[in-house]
Amino acid sequence: MTMTTDRPEPSRDEVAAVAALGEDYRRLRAEIGKVIIGQDHVIDELLTGFFARGHVLLVGVPGLAKTLLVSTVARILSLSFRRIQFTPDMMPSDITGTDILQDDPETGRRRFTFIAGPIFANIVLADEINRTPPKTQAALLEAMQERHVTAGGSSYPLPDPFFVLATQNPIEQEGTYPLPEAQLDRFMLNVLVPYPTAAEELEILRRTTGDETPETKVTLSAEQIVALQHLVRRVPVPEHVFIYARDLVRASRPNEPEASSMVRKCVSWGAGPRAGQSLILAAKARAVLQGRLHAGIADIRHVAKPVLRHRIVTTFHAEADGIDSDKVIEQLLQDVAAPTEGASAKNPRF
């Protein structure tokens, strides 16, 4: 899939739009901060995925305000929000919707009518996605990829913008159906949600045990968000940044000549081409959200862990030695040299 086309330089309108988005982002963060305490990197990565038009997998134990964060973002952005609690008995039609037979009051005949499922929302929280069987997981992931639902031979487009945030509990594994690597690859980012710090937890206790409910203001409309998502795609990326993203991904594959001895020993499967695409898009989104007109090496390095951690499969021996995908990525960031700007083409690529 080609994501880039040649352009000379950003227009004045694009420069102004990037500056405006940087200001919108600061207001958005301030509004989220009225409800969510701490979790700064989680919020940053979630919004990066959102404006990069990608889906996000959140991994964290219950009680860390994942649902509250997503519903707060939906409310501040004036978007529709649905939460789907996954269970072992859930069927694909429970998510996507189904055709039902109804009487037509005008003709008196019966006809099939499509009843939309909860996936027809701008922001969908797929809570504990690993609790439902693979067939239902596949139905959700197909909708995520194709951005439409097919029922009875007809196709129904999903709303735009459309963003799925799925959660997994890393503790309980009994009675779960872990997502296979091919399905995990559909998520742009895998974000780890940590426990709050001592100071943050104290503030949580103060704020959430009283009678006051924080009020948030709407910052962006759905139409503005779609326009900004397209703007992210047009952010320029120098050639040497593309080269660095490519080298980082290829170095994660144990059978490639670029692989280090650690990767050959500790990795059974490395990241595929979609990882490189996600690195570039997430880097673009991060640059725009910070009010910058181009993405750089620092942006790639910043998003490397959430982009790559679910796309690198470690060996049994690595797991026995306590080496997980995050440690492999840390080593990759040390081993893979960043190309100099002299390696870039004359014109940046979009």
Protein backbone atom coordinates (compact mmCIF):
# COMPACT_ATOMS: atom_id res chain seq x y z
CA MET A 1 0.00 0.00 0.00
CA THR A 2 1.42 3.35 -1.02
CA MET A 3 1.09 6.00 1.64
CA THR A 4 3.18 8.76 0.17
CA THR A 5 3.21 11.13 -2.75
CA ASP A 6 5.74 13.78 -3.66
CA ARG A 7 4.97 17.35 -2.59
CA PRO A 8 7.28 20.38 -2.60
CA GLU A 9 6.47 21.89 0.79
CA PRO A 10 3.48 22.50 3.09
CA SER A 11 1.12 25.29 2.04
CA ARG A 12 0.30 28.29 4.22
CA ASP A 13 -3.06 26.73 5.05
CA GLU A 14 -1.36 23.53 6.21
CA VAL A 15 1.14 25.49 8.31
CA ALA A 16 -1.74 27.34 9.95
CA ALA A 17 -3.69 24.09 10.45
CA VAL A 18 -0.71 22.43 12.19
CA ALA A 19 -0.30 25.40 14.51
CA ALA A 20 -4.03 25.35 15.27
CA LEU A 21 -3.97 21.61 15.99
CA GLY A 22 -1.10 22.11 18.43
CA GLU A 23 -3.25 24.60 20.31
CA ASP A 24 -6.30 22.30 20.12
CA TYR A 25 -4.18 19.47 21.51
CA ARG A 26 -3.14 21.54 24.51
CA ARG A 27 -6.78 22.44 25.22
CA LEU A 28 -7.78 18.81 24.78
CA ARG A 29 -5.14 17.67 27.27
CA ALA A 30 -6.28 20.31 29.75
CA GLU A 31 -9.91 19.12 29.50
CA ILE A 32 -8.87 15.45 29.92
CA GLY A 33 -6.82 16.47 32.97
CA LYS A 34 -10.01 17.63 34.69
CA VAL A 35 -11.18 14.00 34.80
CA ILE A 36 -8.10 11.77 34.41
CA ILE A 37 -5.26 12.09 36.90
CA GLY A 38 -1.80 11.20 35.62
CA GLN A 39 -1.39 8.59 32.83
CA ASP A 40 0.29 11.22 30.67
CA HIS A 41 2.05 8.83 28.31
CA VAL A 42 -1.12 6.71 27.94
CA ILE A 43 -3.12 9.81 26.93
CA ASP A 44 -0.39 10.94 24.52
CA GLU A 45 -0.18 7.54 22.83
CA LEU A 46 -3.95 7.13 22.65
CA LEU A 47 -4.37 10.53 20.98
CA THR A 48 -1.43 9.82 18.69
CA GLY A 49 -3.18 6.68 17.47
CA PHE A 50 -6.46 8.52 17.12
CA PHE A 51 -5.13 11.35 14.95
CA ALA A 52 -3.03 8.86 12.96
CA ARG A 53 -6.34 7.09 12.15
CA GLY A 54 -5.22 3.87 13.82
CA HIS A 55 -6.67 1.58 16.47
CA VAL A 56 -5.13 1.08 19.91
CA LEU A 57 -4.82 -1.92 22.23
CA LEU A 58 -4.63 -1.02 25.94
CA VAL A 59 -3.09 -3.54 28.29
CA GLY A 60 -3.64 -2.95 32.00
CA VAL A 61 -5.28 -4.35 35.11
CA PRO A 62 -8.86 -3.34 36.00
CA GLY A 63 -9.49 -0.07 37.80
CA LEU A 64 -6.99 2.13 35.96
CA ALA A 65 -9.66 4.40 34.39
CA LYS A 66 -9.37 3.01 30.86
CA THR A 67 -13.11 3.22 30.23
CA LEU A 68 -13.33 6.65 31.85
CA LEU A 69 -10.46 7.92 29.68
CA VAL A 70 -12.08 6.75 26.45
CA SER A 71 -15.55 8.06 27.32
CA THR A 72 -14.02 11.39 28.38
CA VAL A 73 -12.15 11.74 25.08
CA ALA A 74 -15.36 10.93 23.16
CA ARG A 75 -17.30 13.54 25.11
CA ILE A 76 -14.66 16.25 24.71
CA LEU A 77 -14.44 15.56 20.98
CA SER A 78 -18.24 15.49 20.58
CA LEU A 79 -18.19 11.93 19.20
CA SER A 80 -20.53 8.99 19.69
CA PHE A 81 -19.20 6.36 22.09
CA ARG A 82 -20.14 2.73 22.72
CA ARG A 83 -18.66 0.25 25.16
CA ILE A 84 -18.81 -3.46 24.31
CA GLN A 85 -18.15 -5.86 27.18
CA PHE A 86 -16.81 -9.02 25.58
CA THR A 87 -17.96 -12.36 27.00
CA PRO A 88 -17.39 -16.00 25.97
CA ASP A 89 -20.96 -16.35 24.62
CA MET A 90 -20.85 -13.24 22.38
CA MET A 91 -21.59 -13.80 18.69
CA PRO A 92 -20.30 -11.69 15.77
CA SER A 93 -23.79 -10.29 15.11
CA ASP A 94 -23.90 -8.98 18.69
CA ILE A 95 -21.19 -6.53 17.62
CA THR A 96 -21.81 -5.82 13.96
CA GLY A 97 -25.62 -6.07 13.83
CA THR A 98 -27.93 -8.36 11.89
CA ASP A 99 -30.85 -8.53 9.46
CA ILE A 100 -34.25 -9.13 11.02
CA LEU A 101 -37.57 -9.88 9.30
CA GLN A 102 -40.11 -7.06 9.71
CA ASP A 103 -43.50 -6.13 8.28
CA ASP A 104 -43.45 -3.22 5.84
CA PRO A 105 -46.38 -0.96 6.90
CA GLU A 106 -46.70 0.47 3.35
CA THR A 107 -46.80 -2.75 1.33
CA GLY A 108 -47.88 -5.19 4.03
CA ARG A 109 -45.08 -7.51 2.99
CA ARG A 110 -42.25 -8.77 5.08
CA ARG A 111 -38.70 -7.70 4.36
CA PHE A 112 -35.31 -7.89 6.00
CA THR A 113 -34.13 -4.78 7.83
CA PHE A 114 -30.59 -4.29 9.07
CA ILE A 115 -30.32 -3.43 12.76
CA ALA A 116 -26.94 -1.83 13.41
CA GLY A 117 -24.83 -3.20 16.26
CA PRO A 118 -22.82 -1.24 18.82
CA ILE A 119 -19.83 -1.03 16.51
CA PHE A 120 -21.60 1.80 14.67
CA ALA A 121 -20.07 4.58 16.75
CA ASN A 122 -17.15 6.99 16.34
CA ILE A 123 -15.29 5.56 19.33
CA VAL A 124 -15.77 1.93 20.37
CA LEU A 125 -14.32 0.51 23.56
CA ALA A 126 -13.87 -3.25 23.12
CA ASP A 127 -13.50 -4.21 26.77
CA GLU A 128 -11.49 -7.41 27.44
CA ILE A 129 -11.36 -8.43 23.79
CA ASN A 130 -9.52 -11.63 24.72
CA ARG A 131 -12.60 -12.91 26.62
CA THR A 132 -14.56 -13.66 23.44
CA PRO A 133 -14.00 -16.54 20.96
CA PRO A 134 -11.85 -16.05 17.83
CA LYS A 135 -14.85 -15.89 15.47
CA THR A 136 -16.22 -12.82 17.26
CA GLN A 137 -12.75 -11.28 17.54
CA ALA A 138 -12.32 -11.73 13.79
CA ALA A 139 -15.64 -9.99 13.06
CA LEU A 140 -14.53 -6.93 15.03
CA LEU A 141 -11.07 -6.87 13.49
CA GLU A 142 -12.47 -7.20 9.97
CA ALA A 143 -14.70 -4.18 10.60
CA MET A 144 -11.68 -2.30 11.97
CA GLN A 145 -9.66 -3.02 8.84
CA GLU A 146 -12.36 -2.58 6.19
CA ARG A 147 -14.31 0.16 8.05
CA HIS A 148 -17.61 -1.33 6.98
CA VAL A 149 -19.92 -4.20 7.98
CA THR A 150 -21.41 -6.71 5.55
CA ALA A 151 -24.77 -8.34 6.29
CA GLY A 152 -27.20 -10.09 3.95
CA GLY A 153 -25.06 -9.23 0.93
CA SER A 154 -25.14 -5.50 1.68
CA SER A 155 -22.30 -3.33 2.94
CA TYR A 156 -22.84 -0.69 5.63
CA PRO A 157 -20.10 1.93 6.16
CA LEU A 158 -18.97 2.68 9.68
CA PRO A 159 -18.99 6.30 10.94
CA ASP A 160 -16.08 8.58 10.21
CA PRO A 161 -14.00 9.06 12.28
CA PHE A 162 -13.92 5.46 13.54
CA PHE A 163 -11.60 4.42 16.34
CA VAL A 164 -11.47 1.14 18.27
CA LEU A 165 -9.81 0.95 21.65
CA ALA A 166 -9.52 -2.64 22.87
CA THR A 167 -8.45 -3.63 26.38
CA GLN A 168 -6.78 -6.76 27.70
CA ASN A 169 -6.25 -7.81 31.30
CA PRO A 170 -2.66 -9.11 31.63
CA ILE A 171 -3.37 -10.99 34.87
CA GLU A 172 -6.31 -13.34 34.35
CA GLN A 173 -5.67 -15.78 31.50
CA GLU A 174 -8.09 -18.57 32.41
CA GLY A 175 -10.99 -18.73 29.99
CA THR A 176 -9.47 -16.25 27.54
CA TYR A 177 -8.73 -16.41 23.83
CA PRO A 178 -5.50 -14.43 23.28
CA LEU A 179 -5.38 -12.53 20.00
CA PRO A 180 -3.09 -14.22 17.45
CA GLU A 181 -0.21 -12.19 16.06
CA ALA A 182 -1.93 -11.64 12.69
CA GLN A 183 -4.86 -10.00 14.48
CA LEU A 184 -2.68 -8.04 16.90
CA ASP A 185 -1.00 -6.53 13.84
CA ARG A 186 -4.27 -4.72 13.03
CA PHE A 187 -3.71 -2.43 16.01
CA MET A 188 -1.43 0.49 15.31
CA LEU A 189 -0.32 0.86 18.95
CA ASN A 190 -0.09 -1.39 21.99
CA VAL A 191 -0.16 0.85 25.06
CA LEU A 192 0.72 -0.37 28.55
CA VAL A 193 -1.34 1.26 31.32
CA PRO A 194 0.68 1.38 34.57
CA TYR A 195 -0.42 1.88 38.15
CA PRO A 196 -0.54 5.55 39.24
CA THR A 197 2.30 7.05 41.24
CA ALA A 198 1.83 7.63 44.98
CA ALA A 199 1.07 11.34 44.45
CA GLU A 200 -1.39 10.57 41.64
CA GLU A 201 -3.15 7.91 43.69
CA LEU A 202 -3.56 10.34 46.59
CA GLU A 203 -5.12 12.89 44.22
CA ILE A 204 -7.42 10.19 42.82
CA LEU A 205 -8.68 9.47 46.33
CA ARG A 206 -9.31 13.17 46.98
CA ARG A 207 -11.14 13.85 43.71
CA THR A 208 -13.25 10.72 43.34
CA THR A 209 -14.67 10.38 46.85
CA GLY A 210 -16.41 13.75 46.95
CA ASP A 211 -19.68 15.02 45.49
CA GLU A 212 -18.24 17.22 42.73
CA THR A 213 -18.40 16.15 39.08
CA PRO A 214 -15.88 17.86 36.79
CA GLU A 215 -17.37 19.58 33.75
CA THR A 216 -15.58 19.33 30.42
CA LYS A 217 -16.00 21.40 27.26
CA VAL A 218 -16.21 20.18 23.69
CA THR A 219 -13.05 21.07 21.78
CA LEU A 220 -13.39 19.55 18.28
CA SER A 221 -16.22 18.32 16.06
CA ALA A 222 -16.24 15.11 14.02
CA GLU A 223 -15.72 17.08 10.78
CA GLN A 224 -12.70 18.89 12.22
CA ILE A 225 -11.20 15.62 13.43
CA VAL A 226 -11.51 13.98 10.00
CA ALA A 227 -9.83 17.02 8.41
CA LEU A 228 -7.01 16.84 10.97
CA GLN A 229 -6.53 13.11 10.37
CA HIS A 230 -6.03 13.89 6.67
CA LEU A 231 -3.64 16.68 7.64
CA VAL A 232 -1.49 14.19 9.56
CA ARG A 233 -1.10 12.14 6.37
CA ARG A 234 0.31 15.21 4.60
CA VAL A 235 3.04 15.92 7.15
CA PRO A 236 6.45 15.78 5.40
CA VAL A 237 8.94 13.10 6.34
CA PRO A 238 12.59 13.35 5.21
CA GLU A 239 14.00 10.35 3.35
CA HIS A 240 16.47 9.46 6.11
CA VAL A 241 13.54 9.05 8.54
CA PHE A 242 11.89 6.58 6.16
CA ILE A 243 15.20 4.74 5.96
CA TYR A 244 15.49 4.61 9.76
CA ALA A 245 11.95 3.23 10.15
CA ARG A 246 12.69 0.58 7.53
CA ASP A 247 16.00 -0.40 9.14
CA LEU A 248 14.43 -0.62 12.60
CA VAL A 249 11.70 -2.97 11.39
CA ARG A 250 14.03 -5.16 9.33
CA ALA A 251 16.48 -5.45 12.23
CA SER A 252 13.69 -7.02 14.33
CA ARG A 253 13.51 -10.06 12.01
CA PRO A 254 15.85 -12.89 13.03
CA ASN A 255 16.32 -14.17 9.45
CA GLU A 256 17.35 -10.83 7.96
CA PRO A 257 21.06 -10.01 7.52
CA GLU A 258 20.49 -6.78 9.52
CA ALA A 259 19.50 -8.77 12.64
CA SER A 260 21.84 -8.64 15.63
CA SER A 261 22.94 -11.69 17.60
CA MET A 262 20.42 -10.83 20.33
CA VAL A 263 17.55 -10.74 17.84
CA ARG A 264 18.63 -14.06 16.31
CA LYS A 265 18.69 -15.60 19.78
CA CYS A 266 15.65 -13.99 21.39
CA VAL A 267 13.14 -13.37 18.58
CA SER A 268 11.17 -16.03 16.74
CA TRP A 269 9.16 -13.61 14.56
CA GLY A 270 9.88 -9.96 13.86
CA ALA A 271 7.70 -7.07 12.75
CA GLY A 272 6.14 -6.98 9.29
CA PRO A 273 5.79 -4.10 6.80
CA ARG A 274 2.67 -2.76 8.57
CA ALA A 275 4.95 -1.91 11.51
CA GLY A 276 6.96 0.47 9.33
CA GLN A 277 3.78 2.13 8.11
CA SER A 278 2.61 2.55 11.70
CA LEU A 279 5.97 3.99 12.77
CA ILE A 280 5.75 6.68 10.10
CA LEU A 281 2.09 7.54 10.72
CA ALA A 282 2.47 7.64 14.50
CA ALA A 283 5.59 9.80 14.13
CA LYS A 284 3.66 12.18 11.85
CA ALA A 285 0.79 12.41 14.34
CA ARG A 286 3.17 13.06 17.25
CA ALA A 287 4.91 15.83 15.30
CA VAL A 288 1.64 17.54 14.38
CA LEU A 289 0.25 17.31 17.91
CA GLN A 290 3.35 19.12 19.09
CA GLY A 291 2.86 21.83 16.46
CA ARG A 292 5.76 20.76 14.24
CA LEU A 293 5.71 20.65 10.44
CA HIS A 294 7.76 17.50 9.92
CA ALA A 295 8.48 14.18 11.61
CA GLY A 296 12.00 13.24 12.64
CA ILE A 297 14.14 10.44 14.01
CA ALA A 298 13.20 11.38 17.59
CA ASP A 299 9.52 10.85 16.76
CA ILE A 300 10.23 7.35 15.39
CA ARG A 301 12.20 6.43 18.50
CA HIS A 302 9.47 7.81 20.77
CA VAL A 303 6.72 5.66 19.22
CA ALA A 304 8.86 2.54 18.66
CA LYS A 305 7.71 0.63 21.75
CA PRO A 306 3.94 0.99 21.38
CA VAL A 307 4.23 0.28 17.64
CA LEU A 308 6.53 -2.74 17.84
CA ARG A 309 5.89 -4.47 21.18
CA HIS A 310 2.93 -6.53 19.94
CA ARG A 311 4.59 -7.29 16.61
CA ILE A 312 7.73 -8.96 17.98
CA VAL A 313 7.40 -12.56 19.21
CA THR A 314 10.14 -13.63 21.60
CA THR A 315 11.43 -17.20 21.92
CA PHE A 316 10.82 -19.52 24.85
CA HIS A 317 14.44 -19.11 25.98
CA ALA A 318 14.12 -15.32 25.94
CA GLU A 319 10.98 -15.49 28.09
CA ALA A 320 12.77 -17.84 30.49
CA ASP A 321 15.56 -15.27 30.80
CA GLY A 322 13.07 -12.46 31.45
CA ILE A 323 13.59 -10.83 28.04
CA ASP A 324 10.34 -9.46 26.64
CA SER A 325 9.63 -7.52 23.44
CA ASP A 326 10.23 -4.17 25.16
CA LYS A 327 13.79 -5.17 26.04
CA VAL A 328 14.35 -6.31 22.46
CA ILE A 329 13.12 -2.91 21.21
CA GLU A 330 15.40 -1.08 23.63
CA GLN A 331 18.33 -3.05 22.22
CA LEU A 332 17.21 -2.33 18.65
CA LEU A 333 17.15 1.40 19.38
CA GLN A 334 20.75 1.11 20.59
CA ASP A 335 21.96 -1.09 17.74
CA VAL A 336 20.29 0.50 14.70
CA ALA A 337 22.15 3.63 13.67
CA ALA A 338 20.09 6.61 12.55
CA PRO A 339 20.99 7.71 8.99
CA THR A 340 22.32 11.21 8.60
CA GLU A 341 20.29 13.88 6.85
CA GLY A 342 22.70 13.54 3.94
CA ALA A 343 21.02 10.21 3.20
CA SER A 344 17.73 11.98 2.46
CA ALA A 345 16.45 12.90 -0.94
CA LYS A 346 16.26 16.52 -2.05
CA ASN A 347 12.54 16.83 -1.40
CA PRO A 348 10.84 15.32 1.65
CA ARG A 349 8.25 12.65 0.96
CA PHE A 350 4.66 12.83 2.22
